[in-house]
Amino acid sequence: MTINIDIYLKFEDNYYQKSGRFSTLSPFNGAEDAAKYAYIYIKQFKRKHENKKIEINKVIYEDTIDITADVQKLNKNGNLYLVK
């Protein structure tokens, strides 16, 4: 299954947007799992930028579903790995 996610971040006074299609593992549990995929992308972004602080401004799943709070919660809690 392929999903659409738009991610808006602030890093060192610059704003970044990543819009894309993400391939998912089965079974897929909608917005809950979409938040996990977005968080994994954000972890990769942070690693690329030496784990400096970033601000998650907004995360949208399938053009209409705001999953920002879910992604922020995952970011606050730390490590996550997708294992099905």
PDB file of N, CA and C in Angstrom:
ATOM      1  N   MET A   1       0.843  -1.172   0.000  1.00  0.00           N
ATOM      2  CA  MET A   1       0.000   0.000   0.000  1.00  0.00           C
ATOM      3  C   MET A   1       0.892   1.241   0.000  1.00  0.00           C
ATOM      4  N   THR A   2       0.456   2.276  -0.666  1.00  0.00           N
ATOM      5  CA  THR A   2       1.184   3.539  -0.717  1.00  0.00           C
ATOM      6  C   THR A   2       0.315   4.638  -0.121  1.00  0.00           C
ATOM      7  N   ILE A   3       0.933   5.482   0.723  1.00  0.00           N
ATOM      8  CA  ILE A   3       0.207   6.570   1.373  1.00  0.00           C
ATOM      9  C   ILE A   3       0.877   7.903   1.045  1.00  0.00           C
ATOM     10  N   ASN A   4       0.127   8.984   1.170  1.00  0.00           N
ATOM     11  CA  ASN A   4       0.647  10.337   0.964  1.00  0.00           C
ATOM     12  C   ASN A   4       0.775  11.032   2.312  1.00  0.00           C
ATOM     13  N   ILE A   5       1.937  11.638   2.548  1.00  0.00           N
ATOM     14  CA  ILE A   5       2.166  12.383   3.783  1.00  0.00           C
ATOM     15  C   ILE A   5       2.888  13.683   3.432  1.00  0.00           C
ATOM     16  N   ASP A   6       2.452  14.778   4.032  1.00  0.00           N
ATOM     17  CA  ASP A   6       3.118  16.072   3.915  1.00  0.00           C
ATOM     18  C   ASP A   6       3.672  16.426   5.285  1.00  0.00           C
ATOM     19  N   ILE A   7       4.974  16.706   5.345  1.00  0.00           N
ATOM     20  CA  ILE A   7       5.650  16.993   6.610  1.00  0.00           C
ATOM     21  C   ILE A   7       6.245  18.401   6.531  1.00  0.00           C
ATOM     22  N   TYR A   8       5.951  19.229   7.539  1.00  0.00           N
ATOM     23  CA  TYR A   8       6.454  20.597   7.602  1.00  0.00           C
ATOM     24  C   TYR A   8       7.301  20.740   8.863  1.00  0.00           C
ATOM     25  N   LEU A   9       8.587  21.096   8.687  1.00  0.00           N
ATOM     26  CA  LEU A   9       9.528  21.193   9.790  1.00  0.00           C
ATOM     27  C   LEU A   9      10.190  22.565   9.820  1.00  0.00           C
ATOM     28  N   LYS A  10      10.633  22.952  11.027  1.00  0.00           N
ATOM     29  CA  LYS A  10      11.470  24.148  11.178  1.00  0.00           C
ATOM     30  C   LYS A  10      12.787  23.696  11.788  1.00  0.00           C
ATOM     31  N   PHE A  11      13.888  24.117  11.149  1.00  0.00           N
ATOM     32  CA  PHE A  11      15.215  23.741  11.602  1.00  0.00           C
ATOM     33  C   PHE A  11      16.140  24.929  11.391  1.00  0.00           C
ATOM     34  N   GLU A  12      16.734  25.423  12.486  1.00  0.00           N
ATOM     35  CA  GLU A  12      17.658  26.550  12.433  1.00  0.00           C
ATOM     36  C   GLU A  12      17.102  27.714  11.616  1.00  0.00           C
ATOM     37  N   ASP A  13      15.921  28.184  11.959  1.00  0.00           N
ATOM     38  CA  ASP A  13      15.252  29.326  11.314  1.00  0.00           C
ATOM     39  C   ASP A  13      14.924  29.111   9.841  1.00  0.00           C
ATOM     40  N   ASN A  14      14.978  27.879   9.376  1.00  0.00           N
ATOM     41  CA  ASN A  14      14.576  27.546   8.018  1.00  0.00           C
ATOM     42  C   ASN A  14      13.405  26.578   8.078  1.00  0.00           C
ATOM     43  N   TYR A  15      12.531  26.669   7.094  1.00  0.00           N
ATOM     44  CA  TYR A  15      11.371  25.794   7.023  1.00  0.00           C
ATOM     45  C   TYR A  15      11.572  24.783   5.901  1.00  0.00           C
ATOM     46  N   TYR A  16      11.184  23.545   6.168  1.00  0.00           N
ATOM     47  CA  TYR A  16      11.320  22.469   5.203  1.00  0.00           C
ATOM     48  C   TYR A  16       9.973  21.790   5.016  1.00  0.00           C
ATOM     49  N   GLN A  17       9.706  21.376   3.790  1.00  0.00           N
ATOM     50  CA  GLN A  17       8.512  20.593   3.503  1.00  0.00           C
ATOM     51  C   GLN A  17       8.923  19.350   2.745  1.00  0.00           C
ATOM     52  N   LYS A  18       8.414  18.222   3.187  1.00  0.00           N
ATOM     53  CA  LYS A  18       8.623  16.951   2.483  1.00  0.00           C
ATOM     54  C   LYS A  18       7.242  16.412   2.155  1.00  0.00           C
ATOM     55  N   SER A  19       6.935  16.345   0.904  1.00  0.00           N
ATOM     56  CA  SER A  19       5.689  15.741   0.461  1.00  0.00           C
ATOM     57  C   SER A  19       6.047  14.509  -0.328  1.00  0.00           C
ATOM     58  N   GLY A  20       5.387  13.439  -0.026  1.00  0.00           N
ATOM     59  CA  GLY A  20       5.720  12.258  -0.779  1.00  0.00           C
ATOM     60  C   GLY A  20       4.816  11.088  -0.530  1.00  0.00           C
ATOM     61  N   ARG A  21       5.110  10.062  -1.279  1.00  0.00           N
ATOM     62  CA  ARG A  21       4.379   8.808  -1.176  1.00  0.00           C
ATOM     63  C   ARG A  21       5.297   7.829  -0.465  1.00  0.00           C
ATOM     64  N   PHE A  22       4.747   7.150   0.514  1.00  0.00           N
ATOM     65  CA  PHE A  22       5.505   6.202   1.305  1.00  0.00           C
ATOM     66  C   PHE A  22       4.898   4.817   1.127  1.00  0.00           C
ATOM     67  N   SER A  23       5.720   3.827   0.866  1.00  0.00           N
ATOM     68  CA  SER A  23       5.257   2.444   0.793  1.00  0.00           C
ATOM     69  C   SER A  23       5.167   1.909   2.207  1.00  0.00           C
ATOM     70  N   THR A  24       4.089   1.193   2.500  1.00  0.00           N
ATOM     71  CA  THR A  24       3.832   0.721   3.859  1.00  0.00           C
ATOM     72  C   THR A  24       3.919  -0.796   3.953  1.00  0.00           C
ATOM     73  N   LEU A  25       4.058  -1.248   5.180  1.00  0.00           N
ATOM     74  CA  LEU A  25       3.999  -2.676   5.475  1.00  0.00           C
ATOM     75  C   LEU A  25       2.556  -3.075   5.724  1.00  0.00           C
ATOM     76  N   SER A  26       2.229  -4.335   5.563  1.00  0.00           N
ATOM     77  CA  SER A  26       0.878  -4.818   5.859  1.00  0.00           C
ATOM     78  C   SER A  26       0.895  -5.541   7.193  1.00  0.00           C
ATOM     79  N   PRO A  27      -0.131  -5.477   7.969  1.00  0.00           N
ATOM     80  CA  PRO A  27      -1.330  -4.662   7.778  1.00  0.00           C
ATOM     81  C   PRO A  27      -1.049  -3.204   8.123  1.00  0.00           C
ATOM     82  N   PHE A  28      -1.801  -2.298   7.518  1.00  0.00           N
ATOM     83  CA  PHE A  28      -1.628  -0.869   7.735  1.00  0.00           C
ATOM     84  C   PHE A  28      -2.836  -0.347   8.504  1.00  0.00           C
ATOM     85  N   ASN A  29      -2.578   0.402   9.588  1.00  0.00           N
ATOM     86  CA  ASN A  29      -3.650   0.869  10.476  1.00  0.00           C
ATOM     87  C   ASN A  29      -3.917   2.361  10.352  1.00  0.00           C
ATOM     88  N   GLY A  30      -4.048   2.858   9.144  1.00  0.00           N
ATOM     89  CA  GLY A  30      -4.459   4.235   8.893  1.00  0.00           C
ATOM     90  C   GLY A  30      -3.560   5.296   9.498  1.00  0.00           C
ATOM     91  N   ALA A  31      -4.187   6.328  10.076  1.00  0.00           N
ATOM     92  CA  ALA A  31      -3.471   7.497  10.591  1.00  0.00           C
ATOM     93  C   ALA A  31      -2.461   7.129  11.674  1.00  0.00           C
ATOM     94  N   GLU A  32      -2.762   6.136  12.480  1.00  0.00           N
ATOM     95  CA  GLU A  32      -1.837   5.716  13.535  1.00  0.00           C
ATOM     96  C   GLU A  32      -0.504   5.266  12.946  1.00  0.00           C
ATOM     97  N   ASP A  33      -0.547   4.436  11.929  1.00  0.00           N
ATOM     98  CA  ASP A  33       0.681   3.978  11.287  1.00  0.00           C
ATOM     99  C   ASP A  33       1.298   5.075  10.422  1.00  0.00           C
ATOM    100  N   ALA A  34       0.492   5.934   9.821  1.00  0.00           N
ATOM    101  CA  ALA A  34       1.028   7.035   9.024  1.00  0.00           C
ATOM    102  C   ALA A  34       1.903   7.938   9.894  1.00  0.00           C
ATOM    103  N   ALA A  35       1.496   8.154  11.146  1.00  0.00           N
ATOM    104  CA  ALA A  35       2.293   8.960  12.076  1.00  0.00           C
ATOM    105  C   ALA A  35       3.654   8.305  12.301  1.00  0.00           C
ATOM    106  N   LYS A  36       3.693   6.994  12.372  1.00  0.00           N
ATOM    107  CA  LYS A  36       4.959   6.282  12.573  1.00  0.00           C
ATOM    108  C   LYS A  36       5.876   6.444  11.363  1.00  0.00           C
ATOM    109  N   TYR A  37       5.322   6.369  10.157  1.00  0.00           N
ATOM    110  CA  TYR A  37       6.131   6.562   8.958  1.00  0.00           C
ATOM    111  C   TYR A  37       6.678   7.981   8.898  1.00  0.00           C
ATOM    112  N   ALA A  38       5.853   8.956   9.239  1.00  0.00           N
ATOM    113  CA  ALA A  38       6.316  10.347   9.261  1.00  0.00           C
ATOM    114  C   ALA A  38       7.426  10.523  10.283  1.00  0.00           C
ATOM    115  N   TYR A  39       7.267   9.931  11.448  1.00  0.00           N
ATOM    116  CA  TYR A  39       8.278  10.038  12.495  1.00  0.00           C
ATOM    117  C   TYR A  39       9.604   9.412  12.050  1.00  0.00           C
ATOM    118  N   ILE A  40       9.548   8.296  11.368  1.00  0.00           N
ATOM    119  CA  ILE A  40      10.777   7.661  10.872  1.00  0.00           C
ATOM    120  C   ILE A  40      11.491   8.593   9.895  1.00  0.00           C
ATOM    121  N   TYR A  41      10.739   9.258   9.013  1.00  0.00           N
ATOM    122  CA  TYR A  41      11.356  10.222   8.106  1.00  0.00           C
ATOM    123  C   TYR A  41      12.014  11.351   8.913  1.00  0.00           C
ATOM    124  N   ILE A  42      11.333  11.838   9.942  1.00  0.00           N
ATOM    125  CA  ILE A  42      11.860  12.934  10.751  1.00  0.00           C
ATOM    126  C   ILE A  42      13.136  12.495  11.475  1.00  0.00           C
ATOM    127  N   LYS A  43      13.164  11.257  11.972  1.00  0.00           N
ATOM    128  CA  LYS A  43      14.391  10.740  12.596  1.00  0.00           C
ATOM    129  C   LYS A  43      15.541  10.737  11.604  1.00  0.00           C
ATOM    130  N   GLN A  44      15.285  10.365  10.367  1.00  0.00           N
ATOM    131  CA  GLN A  44      16.327  10.361   9.342  1.00  0.00           C
ATOM    132  C   GLN A  44      16.797  11.790   9.054  1.00  0.00           C
ATOM    133  N   PHE A  45      15.860  12.726   9.010  1.00  0.00           N
ATOM    134  CA  PHE A  45      16.199  14.132   8.793  1.00  0.00           C
ATOM    135  C   PHE A  45      17.085  14.647   9.922  1.00  0.00           C
ATOM    136  N   LYS A  46      16.702  14.314  11.172  1.00  0.00           N
ATOM    137  CA  LYS A  46      17.493  14.737  12.326  1.00  0.00           C
ATOM    138  C   LYS A  46      18.897  14.136  12.284  1.00  0.00           C
ATOM    139  N   ARG A  47      18.996  12.870  11.964  1.00  0.00           N
ATOM    140  CA  ARG A  47      20.294  12.201  11.892  1.00  0.00           C
ATOM    141  C   ARG A  47      21.176  12.870  10.840  1.00  0.00           C
ATOM    142  N   LYS A  48      20.585  13.222   9.710  1.00  0.00           N
ATOM    143  CA  LYS A  48      21.319  13.886   8.638  1.00  0.00           C
ATOM    144  C   LYS A  48      21.848  15.247   9.097  1.00  0.00           C
ATOM    145  N   HIS A  49      21.129  15.878  10.020  1.00  0.00           N
ATOM    146  CA  HIS A  49      21.518  17.197  10.533  1.00  0.00           C
ATOM    147  C   HIS A  49      22.085  17.106  11.944  1.00  0.00           C
ATOM    148  N   GLU A  50      22.800  16.017  12.211  1.00  0.00           N
ATOM    149  CA  GLU A  50      23.544  15.818  13.454  1.00  0.00           C
ATOM    150  C   GLU A  50      22.672  15.881  14.710  1.00  0.00           C
ATOM    151  N   ASN A  51      21.443  15.411  14.606  1.00  0.00           N
ATOM    152  CA  ASN A  51      20.497  15.321  15.725  1.00  0.00           C
ATOM    153  C   ASN A  51      20.234  16.645  16.419  1.00  0.00           C
ATOM    154  N   LYS A  52      20.339  17.733  15.676  1.00  0.00           N
ATOM    155  CA  LYS A  52      20.007  19.035  16.245  1.00  0.00           C
ATOM    156  C   LYS A  52      18.497  19.149  16.395  1.00  0.00           C
ATOM    157  N   LYS A  53      18.079  20.083  17.228  1.00  0.00           N
ATOM    158  CA  LYS A  53      16.658  20.242  17.517  1.00  0.00           C
ATOM    159  C   LYS A  53      15.897  20.704  16.277  1.00  0.00           C
ATOM    160  N   ILE A  54      14.760  20.070  16.052  1.00  0.00           N
ATOM    161  CA  ILE A  54      13.852  20.487  14.984  1.00  0.00           C
ATOM    162  C   ILE A  54      12.475  20.703  15.580  1.00  0.00           C
ATOM    163  N   GLU A  55      11.682  21.483  14.906  1.00  0.00           N
ATOM    164  CA  GLU A  55      10.302  21.735  15.317  1.00  0.00           C
ATOM    165  C   GLU A  55       9.376  21.129  14.267  1.00  0.00           C
ATOM    166  N   ILE A  56       8.449  20.314  14.722  1.00  0.00           N
ATOM    167  CA  ILE A  56       7.471  19.703  13.818  1.00  0.00           C
ATOM    168  C   ILE A  56       6.267  20.633  13.765  1.00  0.00           C
ATOM    169  N   ASN A  57       6.099  21.329  12.640  1.00  0.00           N
ATOM    170  CA  ASN A  57       5.012  22.296  12.523  1.00  0.00           C
ATOM    171  C   ASN A  57       3.682  21.658  12.145  1.00  0.00           C
ATOM    172  N   LYS A  58       3.723  20.750  11.187  1.00  0.00           N
ATOM    173  CA  LYS A  58       2.475  20.136  10.738  1.00  0.00           C
ATOM    174  C   LYS A  58       2.786  18.873   9.971  1.00  0.00           C
ATOM    175  N   VAL A  59       1.916  17.866  10.144  1.00  0.00           N
ATOM    176  CA  VAL A  59       2.023  16.623   9.375  1.00  0.00           C
ATOM    177  C   VAL A  59       0.604  16.257   8.928  1.00  0.00           C
ATOM    178  N   ILE A  60       0.437  16.109   7.632  1.00  0.00           N
ATOM    179  CA  ILE A  60      -0.880  15.821   7.046  1.00  0.00           C
ATOM    180  C   ILE A  60      -0.812  14.481   6.310  1.00  0.00           C
ATOM    181  N   TYR A  61      -1.804  13.640   6.588  1.00  0.00           N
ATOM    182  CA  TYR A  61      -1.912  12.315   5.977  1.00  0.00           C
ATOM    183  C   TYR A  61      -3.056  12.333   4.978  1.00  0.00           C
ATOM    184  N   GLU A  62      -2.813  11.858   3.780  1.00  0.00           N
ATOM    185  CA  GLU A  62      -3.798  11.776   2.690  1.00  0.00           C
ATOM    186  C   GLU A  62      -4.525  13.107   2.455  1.00  0.00           C
ATOM    187  N   ASP A  63      -3.775  14.190   2.456  1.00  0.00           N
ATOM    188  CA  ASP A  63      -4.217  15.539   2.092  1.00  0.00           C
ATOM    189  C   ASP A  63      -5.213  16.195   3.052  1.00  0.00           C
ATOM    190  N   THR A  64      -5.791  15.462   4.008  1.00  0.00           N
ATOM    191  CA  THR A  64      -6.821  16.077   4.858  1.00  0.00           C
ATOM    192  C   THR A  64      -6.715  15.742   6.340  1.00  0.00           C
ATOM    193  N   ILE A  65      -6.005  14.692   6.705  1.00  0.00           N
ATOM    194  CA  ILE A  65      -6.002  14.232   8.098  1.00  0.00           C
ATOM    195  C   ILE A  65      -4.755  14.761   8.812  1.00  0.00           C
ATOM    196  N   ASP A  66      -4.974  15.618   9.806  1.00  0.00           N
ATOM    197  CA  ASP A  66      -3.877  16.217  10.556  1.00  0.00           C
ATOM    198  C   ASP A  66      -3.405  15.234  11.628  1.00  0.00           C
ATOM    199  N   ILE A  67      -2.168  14.745  11.482  1.00  0.00           N
ATOM    200  CA  ILE A  67      -1.602  13.792  12.444  1.00  0.00           C
ATOM    201  C   ILE A  67      -0.424  14.414  13.207  1.00  0.00           C
ATOM    202  N   THR A  68      -0.381  15.740  13.223  1.00  0.00           N
ATOM    203  CA  THR A  68       0.730  16.453  13.860  1.00  0.00           C
ATOM    204  C   THR A  68       0.908  16.051  15.315  1.00  0.00           C
ATOM    205  N   ALA A  69      -0.159  16.040  16.089  1.00  0.00           N
ATOM    206  CA  ALA A  69      -0.059  15.720  17.522  1.00  0.00           C
ATOM    207  C   ALA A  69       0.486  14.309  17.731  1.00  0.00           C
ATOM    208  N   ASP A  70       0.063  13.363  16.907  1.00  0.00           N
ATOM    209  CA  ASP A  70       0.552  11.983  17.032  1.00  0.00           C
ATOM    210  C   ASP A  70       2.053  11.900  16.748  1.00  0.00           C
ATOM    211  N   VAL A  71       2.502  12.612  15.724  1.00  0.00           N
ATOM    212  CA  VAL A  71       3.922  12.594  15.374  1.00  0.00           C
ATOM    213  C   VAL A  71       4.745  13.296  16.449  1.00  0.00           C
ATOM    214  N   GLN A  72       4.228  14.409  16.973  1.00  0.00           N
ATOM    215  CA  GLN A  72       4.938  15.116  18.043  1.00  0.00           C
ATOM    216  C   GLN A  72       5.069  14.236  19.282  1.00  0.00           C
ATOM    217  N   LYS A  73       4.038  13.466  19.579  1.00  0.00           N
ATOM    218  CA  LYS A  73       4.087  12.563  20.731  1.00  0.00           C
ATOM    219  C   LYS A  73       5.152  11.480  20.519  1.00  0.00           C
ATOM    220  N   LEU A  74       5.208  10.911  19.327  1.00  0.00           N
ATOM    221  CA  LEU A  74       6.241   9.917  19.023  1.00  0.00           C
ATOM    222  C   LEU A  74       7.629  10.540  19.139  1.00  0.00           C
ATOM    223  N   ASN A  75       7.775  11.758  18.657  1.00  0.00           N
ATOM    224  CA  ASN A  75       9.060  12.449  18.715  1.00  0.00           C
ATOM    225  C   ASN A  75       9.476  12.700  20.163  1.00  0.00           C
ATOM    226  N   LYS A  76       8.532  13.040  20.993  1.00  0.00           N
ATOM    227  CA  LYS A  76       8.814  13.300  22.408  1.00  0.00           C
ATOM    228  C   LYS A  76       9.208  12.020  23.139  1.00  0.00           C
ATOM    229  N   ASN A  77       8.556  10.911  22.802  1.00  0.00           N
ATOM    230  CA  ASN A  77       8.786   9.645  23.500  1.00  0.00           C
ATOM    231  C   ASN A  77      10.046   8.923  23.054  1.00  0.00           C
ATOM    232  N   GLY A  78      10.573   9.257  21.909  1.00  0.00           N
ATOM    233  CA  GLY A  78      11.848   8.666  21.489  1.00  0.00           C
ATOM    234  C   GLY A  78      11.746   7.542  20.496  1.00  0.00           C
ATOM    235  N   ASN A  79      12.512   6.513  20.720  1.00  0.00           N
ATOM    236  CA  ASN A  79      12.721   5.463  19.723  1.00  0.00           C
ATOM    237  C   ASN A  79      11.463   4.749  19.296  1.00  0.00           C
ATOM    238  N   LEU A  80      11.404   4.479  18.009  1.00  0.00           N
ATOM    239  CA  LEU A  80      10.297   3.731  17.408  1.00  0.00           C
ATOM    240  C   LEU A  80      10.869   2.934  16.252  1.00  0.00           C
ATOM    241  N   TYR A  81      10.436   1.711  16.165  1.00  0.00           N
ATOM    242  CA  TYR A  81      10.854   0.870  15.051  1.00  0.00           C
ATOM    243  C   TYR A  81       9.610   0.199  14.499  1.00  0.00           C
ATOM    244  N   LEU A  82       9.475   0.173  13.177  1.00  0.00           N
ATOM    245  CA  LEU A  82       8.330  -0.476  12.545  1.00  0.00           C
ATOM    246  C   LEU A  82       8.634  -1.941  12.351  1.00  0.00           C
ATOM    247  N   VAL A  83       7.992  -2.758  13.111  1.00  0.00           N
ATOM    248  CA  VAL A  83       8.137  -4.192  12.975  1.00  0.00           C
ATOM    249  C   VAL A  83       6.736  -4.774  12.945  1.00  0.00           C
ATOM    250  N   LYS A  84       6.418  -5.506  11.904  1.00  0.00           N
ATOM    251  CA  LYS A  84       5.086  -6.092  11.788  1.00  0.00           C
ATOM    252  C   LYS A  84       5.211  -7.592  11.811  1.00  0.00           C
TER     253      LYS A  84
END
